[in-house]
Amino acid sequence: MALDDFLLEAEEKMEKTEQVVMHEFAGVRTGKASAGLVENILVEVYGSSMRIRELAGITAPEPRTLAIQPWDATTLPAIEKAIQKSNLGLSPATQGKVIRIFFPELSTERRQEFVKICKKMAEDGRVAVRHVRRDTMDLLKKHAHDSGTTEDQVEAAEKELQKMTDTYIGKIDANLAGKEKEIMTV
């Protein structure tokens, strides 16, 4: 495997890590309703676990309200039960064939808790990016003497890898700053 292949593989892994962190951020509640808060909650229906997004349409008709409309009305009680068990502190209210979730105004303390949760998610993402860098560095050192690879080429690849690591950690930090601002905005 060429040094470029190692770098491309590392970049793919770092990009996936960034995507995972962004997806986790979407699940953290801000002052407004977002489908990302409930779409991945698992519901026990049809003898298996399915995500709400696979069972229903999720809309935000108002800034502080989510409406969940199941495609099969028989799944309504199971979806409501799953939302209550989700530890998100949400209280679903069934109105006909639609589940409505109303979001109260967040207190300052609660906003700060959400910021801490986001910081933890971001730190986990940064650690994952550093693990990718470490593993790729090990591969570069291990294959440094393969098929006429010079030390200069290995050193250049290591510098490129470090640049890539700094870039992805910077992206995670920028996303964290944006999410933090979104959470703290009243």
N, C-alpha and C. Protein backbone atom coordinates (compact mmCIF):
# COMPACT_ATOMS: atom_id res chain seq x y z
N MET A 1 0.84 -1.19 0.00
CA MET A 1 0.00 0.00 0.00
C MET A 1 0.88 1.25 0.00
N ALA A 2 0.55 2.20 -0.82
CA ALA A 2 1.33 3.43 -0.91
C ALA A 2 0.98 4.36 0.24
N LEU A 3 1.88 5.30 0.51
CA LEU A 3 1.66 6.26 1.61
C LEU A 3 0.39 7.07 1.37
N ASP A 4 0.13 7.40 0.10
CA ASP A 4 -1.08 8.18 -0.23
C ASP A 4 -2.35 7.41 0.15
N ASP A 5 -2.30 6.09 -0.02
CA ASP A 5 -3.47 5.27 0.34
C ASP A 5 -3.75 5.33 1.83
N PHE A 6 -2.67 5.31 2.63
CA PHE A 6 -2.83 5.41 4.09
C PHE A 6 -3.47 6.75 4.45
N LEU A 7 -3.00 7.81 3.79
CA LEU A 7 -3.53 9.14 4.07
C LEU A 7 -4.99 9.27 3.65
N LEU A 8 -5.33 8.71 2.49
CA LEU A 8 -6.73 8.76 2.04
C LEU A 8 -7.65 8.00 3.00
N GLU A 9 -7.20 6.85 3.44
CA GLU A 9 -7.99 6.06 4.39
C GLU A 9 -8.17 6.82 5.70
N ALA A 10 -7.10 7.46 6.17
CA ALA A 10 -7.17 8.24 7.41
C ALA A 10 -8.15 9.40 7.25
N GLU A 11 -8.10 10.07 6.09
CA GLU A 11 -9.00 11.19 5.87
C GLU A 11 -10.45 10.74 5.86
N GLU A 12 -10.73 9.59 5.24
CA GLU A 12 -12.10 9.06 5.23
C GLU A 12 -12.58 8.81 6.65
N LYS A 13 -11.73 8.20 7.47
CA LYS A 13 -12.12 7.89 8.85
C LYS A 13 -12.35 9.18 9.64
N MET A 14 -11.50 10.19 9.44
CA MET A 14 -11.66 11.46 10.15
C MET A 14 -12.94 12.15 9.72
N GLU A 15 -13.25 12.07 8.44
CA GLU A 15 -14.48 12.69 7.93
C GLU A 15 -15.71 12.00 8.52
N LYS A 16 -15.67 10.67 8.60
CA LYS A 16 -16.78 9.93 9.21
C LYS A 16 -16.94 10.31 10.67
N THR A 17 -15.84 10.49 11.37
CA THR A 17 -15.88 10.90 12.78
C THR A 17 -16.56 12.25 12.91
N GLU A 18 -16.20 13.18 12.03
CA GLU A 18 -16.82 14.51 12.06
C GLU A 18 -18.33 14.40 11.83
N GLN A 19 -18.73 13.55 10.87
CA GLN A 19 -20.15 13.35 10.58
C GLN A 19 -20.90 12.79 11.78
N VAL A 20 -20.27 11.85 12.48
CA VAL A 20 -20.89 11.26 13.67
C VAL A 20 -21.10 12.33 14.74
N VAL A 21 -20.09 13.16 14.96
CA VAL A 21 -20.21 14.23 15.96
C VAL A 21 -21.33 15.20 15.58
N MET A 22 -21.41 15.56 14.30
CA MET A 22 -22.47 16.46 13.84
C MET A 22 -23.85 15.82 14.06
N HIS A 23 -23.95 14.54 13.80
CA HIS A 23 -25.22 13.83 13.99
C HIS A 23 -25.60 13.80 15.47
N GLU A 24 -24.61 13.61 16.33
CA GLU A 24 -24.86 13.62 17.78
C GLU A 24 -25.31 15.01 18.23
N PHE A 25 -24.68 16.05 17.68
CA PHE A 25 -25.07 17.42 18.02
C PHE A 25 -26.53 17.67 17.66
N ALA A 26 -26.98 17.10 16.55
CA ALA A 26 -28.37 17.31 16.11
C ALA A 26 -29.36 16.76 17.12
N GLY A 27 -28.93 15.75 17.88
CA GLY A 27 -29.81 15.15 18.88
C GLY A 27 -29.87 15.91 20.19
N VAL A 28 -29.04 16.94 20.33
CA VAL A 28 -29.05 17.72 21.57
C VAL A 28 -30.04 18.86 21.41
N ARG A 29 -30.89 18.99 22.41
CA ARG A 29 -31.99 19.94 22.34
C ARG A 29 -31.51 21.38 22.47
N THR A 30 -32.05 22.22 21.64
CA THR A 30 -31.82 23.65 21.74
C THR A 30 -33.16 24.29 22.09
N GLY A 31 -33.28 25.57 21.93
CA GLY A 31 -34.53 26.25 22.27
C GLY A 31 -35.67 25.96 21.31
N LYS A 32 -35.35 25.36 20.15
CA LYS A 32 -36.41 25.10 19.18
C LYS A 32 -36.54 23.61 18.89
N ALA A 33 -37.70 23.23 18.39
CA ALA A 33 -37.97 21.83 18.08
C ALA A 33 -37.21 21.40 16.83
N SER A 34 -36.69 20.18 16.87
CA SER A 34 -35.96 19.62 15.74
C SER A 34 -36.26 18.14 15.64
N ALA A 35 -36.49 17.67 14.42
CA ALA A 35 -36.79 16.25 14.21
C ALA A 35 -35.62 15.37 14.67
N GLY A 36 -34.41 15.91 14.63
CA GLY A 36 -33.23 15.17 15.05
C GLY A 36 -33.28 14.72 16.50
N LEU A 37 -34.11 15.37 17.30
CA LEU A 37 -34.21 15.01 18.71
C LEU A 37 -34.85 13.65 18.91
N VAL A 38 -35.81 13.30 18.06
CA VAL A 38 -36.57 12.07 18.28
C VAL A 38 -36.43 11.03 17.16
N GLU A 39 -35.87 11.40 16.03
CA GLU A 39 -35.90 10.49 14.88
C GLU A 39 -35.19 9.16 15.12
N ASN A 40 -34.20 9.12 16.01
CA ASN A 40 -33.44 7.89 16.23
C ASN A 40 -33.89 7.10 17.46
N ILE A 41 -34.96 7.52 18.12
CA ILE A 41 -35.47 6.78 19.26
C ILE A 41 -36.00 5.43 18.76
N LEU A 42 -35.60 4.36 19.45
CA LEU A 42 -36.02 3.02 19.03
C LEU A 42 -37.38 2.69 19.63
N VAL A 43 -38.24 2.12 18.78
CA VAL A 43 -39.60 1.76 19.16
C VAL A 43 -39.75 0.25 18.95
N GLU A 44 -40.33 -0.43 19.94
CA GLU A 44 -40.61 -1.86 19.82
C GLU A 44 -41.95 -2.06 19.11
N VAL A 45 -41.89 -2.41 17.83
CA VAL A 45 -43.10 -2.67 17.04
C VAL A 45 -42.84 -3.83 16.09
N TYR A 46 -43.90 -4.50 15.71
CA TYR A 46 -43.82 -5.59 14.75
C TYR A 46 -42.79 -6.66 15.15
N GLY A 47 -42.56 -6.82 16.44
CA GLY A 47 -41.63 -7.83 16.92
C GLY A 47 -40.16 -7.46 16.79
N SER A 48 -39.85 -6.19 16.53
CA SER A 48 -38.45 -5.76 16.45
C SER A 48 -38.34 -4.29 16.84
N SER A 49 -37.12 -3.79 16.84
CA SER A 49 -36.89 -2.39 17.15
C SER A 49 -36.72 -1.59 15.87
N MET A 50 -37.46 -0.50 15.77
CA MET A 50 -37.36 0.37 14.59
C MET A 50 -37.23 1.81 15.08
N ARG A 51 -36.58 2.64 14.28
CA ARG A 51 -36.45 4.06 14.62
C ARG A 51 -37.74 4.78 14.27
N ILE A 52 -38.02 5.86 15.00
CA ILE A 52 -39.25 6.62 14.75
C ILE A 52 -39.30 7.10 13.31
N ARG A 53 -38.15 7.52 12.76
CA ARG A 53 -38.15 8.04 11.39
C ARG A 53 -38.57 6.99 10.37
N GLU A 54 -38.46 5.69 10.74
CA GLU A 54 -38.88 4.61 9.85
C GLU A 54 -40.37 4.32 9.99
N LEU A 55 -40.99 4.85 11.05
CA LEU A 55 -42.39 4.54 11.34
C LEU A 55 -43.33 5.71 11.12
N ALA A 56 -42.78 6.93 11.05
CA ALA A 56 -43.66 8.09 11.03
C ALA A 56 -43.00 9.28 10.36
N GLY A 57 -43.86 10.23 9.99
CA GLY A 57 -43.37 11.51 9.49
C GLY A 57 -43.20 12.44 10.68
N ILE A 58 -42.07 13.15 10.73
CA ILE A 58 -41.79 14.06 11.85
C ILE A 58 -41.70 15.47 11.29
N THR A 59 -42.53 16.37 11.81
CA THR A 59 -42.51 17.77 11.35
C THR A 59 -42.46 18.70 12.55
N ALA A 60 -42.06 19.93 12.29
CA ALA A 60 -42.05 20.97 13.32
C ALA A 60 -43.00 22.08 12.85
N PRO A 61 -44.30 21.95 13.12
CA PRO A 61 -45.27 22.94 12.64
C PRO A 61 -45.07 24.32 13.28
N GLU A 62 -44.53 24.34 14.48
CA GLU A 62 -44.24 25.60 15.17
C GLU A 62 -42.83 25.49 15.74
N PRO A 63 -42.19 26.61 16.07
CA PRO A 63 -40.81 26.55 16.56
C PRO A 63 -40.61 25.68 17.81
N ARG A 64 -41.63 25.55 18.65
CA ARG A 64 -41.45 24.80 19.89
C ARG A 64 -42.37 23.57 19.96
N THR A 65 -42.76 23.05 18.81
CA THR A 65 -43.65 21.89 18.75
C THR A 65 -43.18 20.92 17.68
N LEU A 66 -43.21 19.63 18.02
CA LEU A 66 -42.95 18.57 17.04
C LEU A 66 -44.23 17.78 16.86
N ALA A 67 -44.51 17.40 15.63
CA ALA A 67 -45.66 16.56 15.34
C ALA A 67 -45.14 15.27 14.71
N ILE A 68 -45.56 14.15 15.28
CA ILE A 68 -45.16 12.83 14.78
C ILE A 68 -46.41 12.13 14.31
N GLN A 69 -46.46 11.84 13.01
CA GLN A 69 -47.64 11.20 12.44
C GLN A 69 -47.24 9.83 11.90
N PRO A 70 -47.60 8.77 12.64
CA PRO A 70 -47.24 7.41 12.20
C PRO A 70 -47.97 7.04 10.91
N TRP A 71 -47.29 6.25 10.08
CA TRP A 71 -47.90 5.79 8.84
C TRP A 71 -48.92 4.69 9.15
N ASP A 72 -48.69 3.98 10.26
CA ASP A 72 -49.63 2.95 10.71
C ASP A 72 -50.14 3.38 12.09
N ALA A 73 -51.42 3.69 12.19
CA ALA A 73 -51.99 4.22 13.43
C ALA A 73 -51.85 3.26 14.61
N THR A 74 -51.67 1.97 14.34
CA THR A 74 -51.54 1.01 15.44
C THR A 74 -50.22 1.15 16.18
N THR A 75 -49.25 1.83 15.59
CA THR A 75 -47.95 2.02 16.24
C THR A 75 -47.94 3.23 17.16
N LEU A 76 -49.01 4.01 17.17
CA LEU A 76 -49.09 5.23 17.97
C LEU A 76 -48.74 5.01 19.44
N PRO A 77 -49.37 4.04 20.14
CA PRO A 77 -49.04 3.85 21.56
C PRO A 77 -47.57 3.45 21.79
N ALA A 78 -47.03 2.63 20.91
CA ALA A 78 -45.64 2.18 21.05
C ALA A 78 -44.68 3.35 20.88
N ILE A 79 -44.96 4.24 19.92
CA ILE A 79 -44.10 5.41 19.70
C ILE A 79 -44.17 6.33 20.92
N GLU A 80 -45.36 6.56 21.42
CA GLU A 80 -45.53 7.42 22.60
C GLU A 80 -44.76 6.86 23.80
N LYS A 81 -44.86 5.56 24.00
CA LYS A 81 -44.17 4.89 25.11
C LYS A 81 -42.65 5.03 24.96
N ALA A 82 -42.14 4.85 23.75
CA ALA A 82 -40.70 4.94 23.50
C ALA A 82 -40.19 6.35 23.77
N ILE A 83 -40.96 7.37 23.41
CA ILE A 83 -40.56 8.76 23.65
C ILE A 83 -40.49 9.02 25.16
N GLN A 84 -41.46 8.51 25.90
CA GLN A 84 -41.46 8.70 27.34
C GLN A 84 -40.28 8.02 28.01
N LYS A 85 -39.87 6.86 27.50
CA LYS A 85 -38.75 6.10 28.07
C LYS A 85 -37.38 6.63 27.63
N SER A 86 -37.34 7.56 26.71
CA SER A 86 -36.09 7.97 26.07
C SER A 86 -35.16 8.81 26.93
N ASN A 87 -35.55 9.21 28.13
CA ASN A 87 -34.74 10.05 29.02
C ASN A 87 -34.42 11.42 28.44
N LEU A 88 -35.25 11.89 27.52
CA LEU A 88 -35.05 13.23 26.97
C LEU A 88 -35.91 14.25 27.72
N GLY A 89 -36.71 13.77 28.65
CA GLY A 89 -37.57 14.67 29.41
C GLY A 89 -38.71 15.24 28.58
N LEU A 90 -39.17 14.48 27.59
CA LEU A 90 -40.24 14.94 26.72
C LEU A 90 -41.57 14.31 27.13
N SER A 91 -42.63 15.08 27.04
CA SER A 91 -43.97 14.58 27.36
C SER A 91 -44.83 14.60 26.10
N PRO A 92 -44.98 13.45 25.45
CA PRO A 92 -45.80 13.41 24.24
C PRO A 92 -47.29 13.47 24.58
N ALA A 93 -48.06 14.12 23.73
CA ALA A 93 -49.51 14.19 23.89
C ALA A 93 -50.15 13.72 22.60
N THR A 94 -50.99 12.69 22.68
CA THR A 94 -51.65 12.15 21.50
C THR A 94 -52.91 12.95 21.22
N GLN A 95 -53.02 13.42 19.98
CA GLN A 95 -54.21 14.15 19.53
C GLN A 95 -54.68 13.49 18.25
N GLY A 96 -55.65 12.59 18.39
CA GLY A 96 -56.13 11.86 17.22
C GLY A 96 -55.08 10.88 16.75
N LYS A 97 -54.62 11.05 15.50
CA LYS A 97 -53.61 10.16 14.94
C LYS A 97 -52.23 10.81 14.91
N VAL A 98 -52.06 11.85 15.70
CA VAL A 98 -50.79 12.59 15.72
C VAL A 98 -50.30 12.70 17.17
N ILE A 99 -48.99 12.52 17.35
CA ILE A 99 -48.37 12.74 18.65
C ILE A 99 -47.72 14.12 18.59
N ARG A 100 -48.04 14.96 19.55
CA ARG A 100 -47.45 16.29 19.62
C ARG A 100 -46.54 16.37 20.83
N ILE A 101 -45.40 16.98 20.63
CA ILE A 101 -44.46 17.20 21.74
C ILE A 101 -44.22 18.70 21.83
N PHE A 102 -44.52 19.26 23.00
CA PHE A 102 -44.33 20.70 23.23
C PHE A 102 -43.05 20.88 24.04
N PHE A 103 -42.22 21.83 23.61
CA PHE A 103 -40.95 22.08 24.28
C PHE A 103 -41.06 23.35 25.12
N PRO A 104 -40.90 23.21 26.44
CA PRO A 104 -40.93 24.40 27.29
C PRO A 104 -39.64 25.22 27.10
N GLU A 105 -39.68 26.45 27.55
CA GLU A 105 -38.49 27.31 27.51
C GLU A 105 -37.40 26.67 28.38
N LEU A 106 -36.17 26.68 27.91
CA LEU A 106 -35.06 26.09 28.67
C LEU A 106 -34.53 27.09 29.69
N SER A 107 -34.25 26.60 30.90
CA SER A 107 -33.63 27.46 31.91
C SER A 107 -32.14 27.59 31.60
N THR A 108 -31.50 28.58 32.19
CA THR A 108 -30.07 28.79 31.96
C THR A 108 -29.26 27.58 32.40
N GLU A 109 -29.64 26.99 33.56
CA GLU A 109 -28.91 25.82 34.05
C GLU A 109 -29.02 24.66 33.06
N ARG A 110 -30.22 24.47 32.53
CA ARG A 110 -30.44 23.37 31.58
C ARG A 110 -29.64 23.60 30.29
N ARG A 111 -29.59 24.84 29.84
CA ARG A 111 -28.79 25.17 28.65
C ARG A 111 -27.32 24.85 28.89
N GLN A 112 -26.83 25.20 30.09
CA GLN A 112 -25.42 24.92 30.41
C GLN A 112 -25.15 23.42 30.47
N GLU A 113 -26.13 22.64 30.94
CA GLU A 113 -25.98 21.18 30.93
C GLU A 113 -25.85 20.66 29.50
N PHE A 114 -26.67 21.20 28.60
CA PHE A 114 -26.62 20.78 27.20
C PHE A 114 -25.27 21.16 26.58
N VAL A 115 -24.73 22.32 26.95
CA VAL A 115 -23.42 22.73 26.44
C VAL A 115 -22.36 21.73 26.92
N LYS A 116 -22.44 21.32 28.19
CA LYS A 116 -21.48 20.34 28.71
C LYS A 116 -21.57 19.03 27.95
N ILE A 117 -22.79 18.61 27.65
CA ILE A 117 -22.99 17.37 26.89
C ILE A 117 -22.33 17.50 25.51
N CYS A 118 -22.53 18.64 24.87
CA CYS A 118 -21.93 18.87 23.55
C CYS A 118 -20.41 18.89 23.62
N LYS A 119 -19.88 19.50 24.67
CA LYS A 119 -18.41 19.53 24.82
C LYS A 119 -17.85 18.12 24.98
N LYS A 120 -18.57 17.27 25.69
CA LYS A 120 -18.14 15.87 25.87
C LYS A 120 -18.17 15.16 24.51
N MET A 121 -19.24 15.38 23.74
CA MET A 121 -19.34 14.76 22.41
C MET A 121 -18.18 15.22 21.52
N ALA A 122 -17.89 16.52 21.57
CA ALA A 122 -16.80 17.07 20.75
C ALA A 122 -15.46 16.48 21.18
N GLU A 123 -15.24 16.35 22.49
CA GLU A 123 -13.98 15.78 22.98
C GLU A 123 -13.85 14.33 22.53
N ASP A 124 -14.94 13.57 22.58
CA ASP A 124 -14.91 12.19 22.09
C ASP A 124 -14.54 12.15 20.61
N GLY A 125 -15.07 13.10 19.84
CA GLY A 125 -14.75 13.19 18.42
C GLY A 125 -13.28 13.51 18.19
N ARG A 126 -12.76 14.48 18.98
CA ARG A 126 -11.34 14.83 18.84
C ARG A 126 -10.45 13.65 19.19
N VAL A 127 -10.82 12.91 20.23
CA VAL A 127 -10.04 11.72 20.62
C VAL A 127 -10.06 10.69 19.50
N ALA A 128 -11.23 10.49 18.89
CA ALA A 128 -11.34 9.53 17.78
C ALA A 128 -10.44 9.94 16.61
N VAL A 129 -10.41 11.25 16.31
CA VAL A 129 -9.55 11.74 15.22
C VAL A 129 -8.09 11.48 15.57
N ARG A 130 -7.72 11.71 16.82
CA ARG A 130 -6.32 11.47 17.23
C ARG A 130 -5.97 9.98 17.17
N HIS A 131 -6.94 9.12 17.46
CA HIS A 131 -6.70 7.68 17.35
C HIS A 131 -6.44 7.30 15.89
N VAL A 132 -7.19 7.89 14.98
CA VAL A 132 -6.96 7.63 13.56
C VAL A 132 -5.54 8.07 13.19
N ARG A 133 -5.14 9.27 13.68
CA ARG A 133 -3.80 9.76 13.39
C ARG A 133 -2.74 8.79 13.93
N ARG A 134 -2.92 8.35 15.17
CA ARG A 134 -1.94 7.45 15.78
C ARG A 134 -1.83 6.15 14.99
N ASP A 135 -2.98 5.56 14.65
CA ASP A 135 -2.97 4.30 13.90
C ASP A 135 -2.30 4.47 12.53
N THR A 136 -2.59 5.58 11.88
CA THR A 136 -2.00 5.84 10.56
C THR A 136 -0.49 6.09 10.69
N MET A 137 -0.09 6.80 11.73
CA MET A 137 1.36 7.02 11.96
C MET A 137 2.07 5.68 12.14
N ASP A 138 1.45 4.77 12.91
CA ASP A 138 2.04 3.45 13.10
C ASP A 138 2.19 2.72 11.76
N LEU A 139 1.16 2.81 10.91
CA LEU A 139 1.23 2.18 9.59
C LEU A 139 2.34 2.80 8.74
N LEU A 140 2.44 4.14 8.80
CA LEU A 140 3.47 4.81 8.01
C LEU A 140 4.87 4.36 8.45
N LYS A 141 5.08 4.28 9.75
CA LYS A 141 6.39 3.85 10.27
C LYS A 141 6.67 2.39 9.92
N LYS A 142 5.63 1.57 10.00
CA LYS A 142 5.75 0.14 9.73
C LYS A 142 6.11 -0.12 8.27
N HIS A 143 5.51 0.68 7.38
CA HIS A 143 5.72 0.47 5.94
C HIS A 143 6.73 1.47 5.36
N ALA A 144 7.48 2.14 6.21
CA ALA A 144 8.43 3.16 5.74
C ALA A 144 9.52 2.57 4.86
N HIS A 145 9.87 1.34 5.09
CA HIS A 145 10.98 0.76 4.34
C HIS A 145 10.53 -0.12 3.18
N ASP A 146 9.22 -0.08 2.89
CA ASP A 146 8.68 -0.88 1.79
C ASP A 146 9.04 -0.27 0.43
N SER A 147 9.33 -1.09 -0.47
CA SER A 147 9.51 -0.78 -1.89
C SER A 147 10.06 0.61 -2.20
N GLY A 148 11.20 0.91 -1.66
CA GLY A 148 11.92 2.13 -2.03
C GLY A 148 11.31 3.44 -1.54
N THR A 149 10.56 3.42 -0.46
CA THR A 149 10.01 4.66 0.09
C THR A 149 11.12 5.35 0.86
N THR A 150 11.34 6.62 0.57
CA THR A 150 12.41 7.35 1.24
C THR A 150 11.92 7.93 2.56
N GLU A 151 12.86 8.27 3.42
CA GLU A 151 12.51 8.87 4.71
C GLU A 151 11.84 10.22 4.51
N ASP A 152 12.25 10.95 3.47
CA ASP A 152 11.64 12.25 3.18
C ASP A 152 10.16 12.10 2.83
N GLN A 153 9.85 11.06 2.07
CA GLN A 153 8.45 10.81 1.70
C GLN A 153 7.62 10.46 2.94
N VAL A 154 8.19 9.66 3.82
CA VAL A 154 7.49 9.29 5.05
C VAL A 154 7.28 10.53 5.92
N GLU A 155 8.31 11.35 6.03
CA GLU A 155 8.21 12.58 6.84
C GLU A 155 7.16 13.53 6.25
N ALA A 156 7.14 13.66 4.93
CA ALA A 156 6.14 14.50 4.28
C ALA A 156 4.73 13.96 4.53
N ALA A 157 4.58 12.64 4.49
CA ALA A 157 3.28 12.01 4.75
C ALA A 157 2.85 12.25 6.19
N GLU A 158 3.80 12.18 7.14
CA GLU A 158 3.48 12.43 8.54
C GLU A 158 3.04 13.88 8.75
N LYS A 159 3.71 14.81 8.07
CA LYS A 159 3.32 16.23 8.18
C LYS A 159 1.93 16.44 7.60
N GLU A 160 1.65 15.80 6.47
CA GLU A 160 0.33 15.90 5.84
C GLU A 160 -0.75 15.33 6.77
N LEU A 161 -0.43 14.22 7.41
CA LEU A 161 -1.35 13.60 8.35
C LEU A 161 -1.63 14.53 9.53
N GLN A 162 -0.60 15.18 10.03
CA GLN A 162 -0.79 16.11 11.15
C GLN A 162 -1.65 17.29 10.73
N LYS A 163 -1.42 17.79 9.50
CA LYS A 163 -2.24 18.90 8.97
C LYS A 163 -3.70 18.49 8.89
N MET A 164 -3.93 17.27 8.40
CA MET A 164 -5.28 16.73 8.26
C MET A 164 -5.95 16.62 9.64
N THR A 165 -5.19 16.13 10.61
CA THR A 165 -5.71 15.99 11.97
C THR A 165 -6.11 17.35 12.52
N ASP A 166 -5.25 18.34 12.37
CA ASP A 166 -5.54 19.70 12.84
C ASP A 166 -6.79 20.26 12.16
N THR A 167 -6.94 19.98 10.86
CA THR A 167 -8.10 20.47 10.11
C THR A 167 -9.39 19.88 10.67
N TYR A 168 -9.42 18.57 10.88
CA TYR A 168 -10.66 17.93 11.35
C TYR A 168 -10.97 18.28 12.80
N ILE A 169 -9.95 18.43 13.63
CA ILE A 169 -10.19 18.87 15.01
C ILE A 169 -10.73 20.31 14.99
N GLY A 170 -10.21 21.14 14.09
CA GLY A 170 -10.71 22.51 13.93
C GLY A 170 -12.16 22.52 13.49
N LYS A 171 -12.54 21.62 12.58
CA LYS A 171 -13.94 21.54 12.13
C LYS A 171 -14.86 21.15 13.28
N ILE A 172 -14.42 20.17 14.08
CA ILE A 172 -15.23 19.75 15.24
C ILE A 172 -15.38 20.91 16.21
N ASP A 173 -14.29 21.64 16.47
CA ASP A 173 -14.35 22.79 17.38
C ASP A 173 -15.28 23.88 16.84
N ALA A 174 -15.24 24.12 15.53
CA ALA A 174 -16.11 25.14 14.93
C ALA A 174 -17.57 24.72 15.05
N ASN A 175 -17.85 23.45 14.82
CA ASN A 175 -19.21 22.94 14.97
C ASN A 175 -19.68 23.05 16.42
N LEU A 176 -18.78 22.77 17.35
CA LEU A 176 -19.10 22.89 18.77
C LEU A 176 -19.44 24.34 19.11
N ALA A 177 -18.64 25.27 18.63
CA ALA A 177 -18.90 26.70 18.90
C ALA A 177 -20.26 27.12 18.36
N GLY A 178 -20.60 26.67 17.17
CA GLY A 178 -21.90 26.98 16.58
C GLY A 178 -23.04 26.39 17.39
N LYS A 179 -22.88 25.13 17.81
CA LYS A 179 -23.94 24.48 18.60
C LYS A 179 -24.09 25.15 19.97
N GLU A 180 -22.95 25.52 20.56
CA GLU A 180 -22.97 26.19 21.87
C GLU A 180 -23.72 27.51 21.77
N LYS A 181 -23.45 28.27 20.70
CA LYS A 181 -24.14 29.54 20.49
C LYS A 181 -25.64 29.32 20.31
N GLU A 182 -25.99 28.27 19.54
CA GLU A 182 -27.39 27.95 19.28
C GLU A 182 -28.11 27.58 20.58
N ILE A 183 -27.44 26.82 21.44
CA ILE A 183 -28.06 26.41 22.70
C ILE A 183 -28.24 27.60 23.64
N MET A 184 -27.26 28.46 23.71
CA MET A 184 -27.29 29.56 24.68
C MET A 184 -28.15 30.73 24.22
N THR A 185 -28.55 30.76 22.93
CA THR A 185 -29.40 31.83 22.42
C THR A 185 -30.81 31.63 22.95
N VAL A 186 -31.32 32.67 23.59
CA VAL A 186 -32.67 32.58 24.18
C VAL A 186 -33.68 33.05 23.16
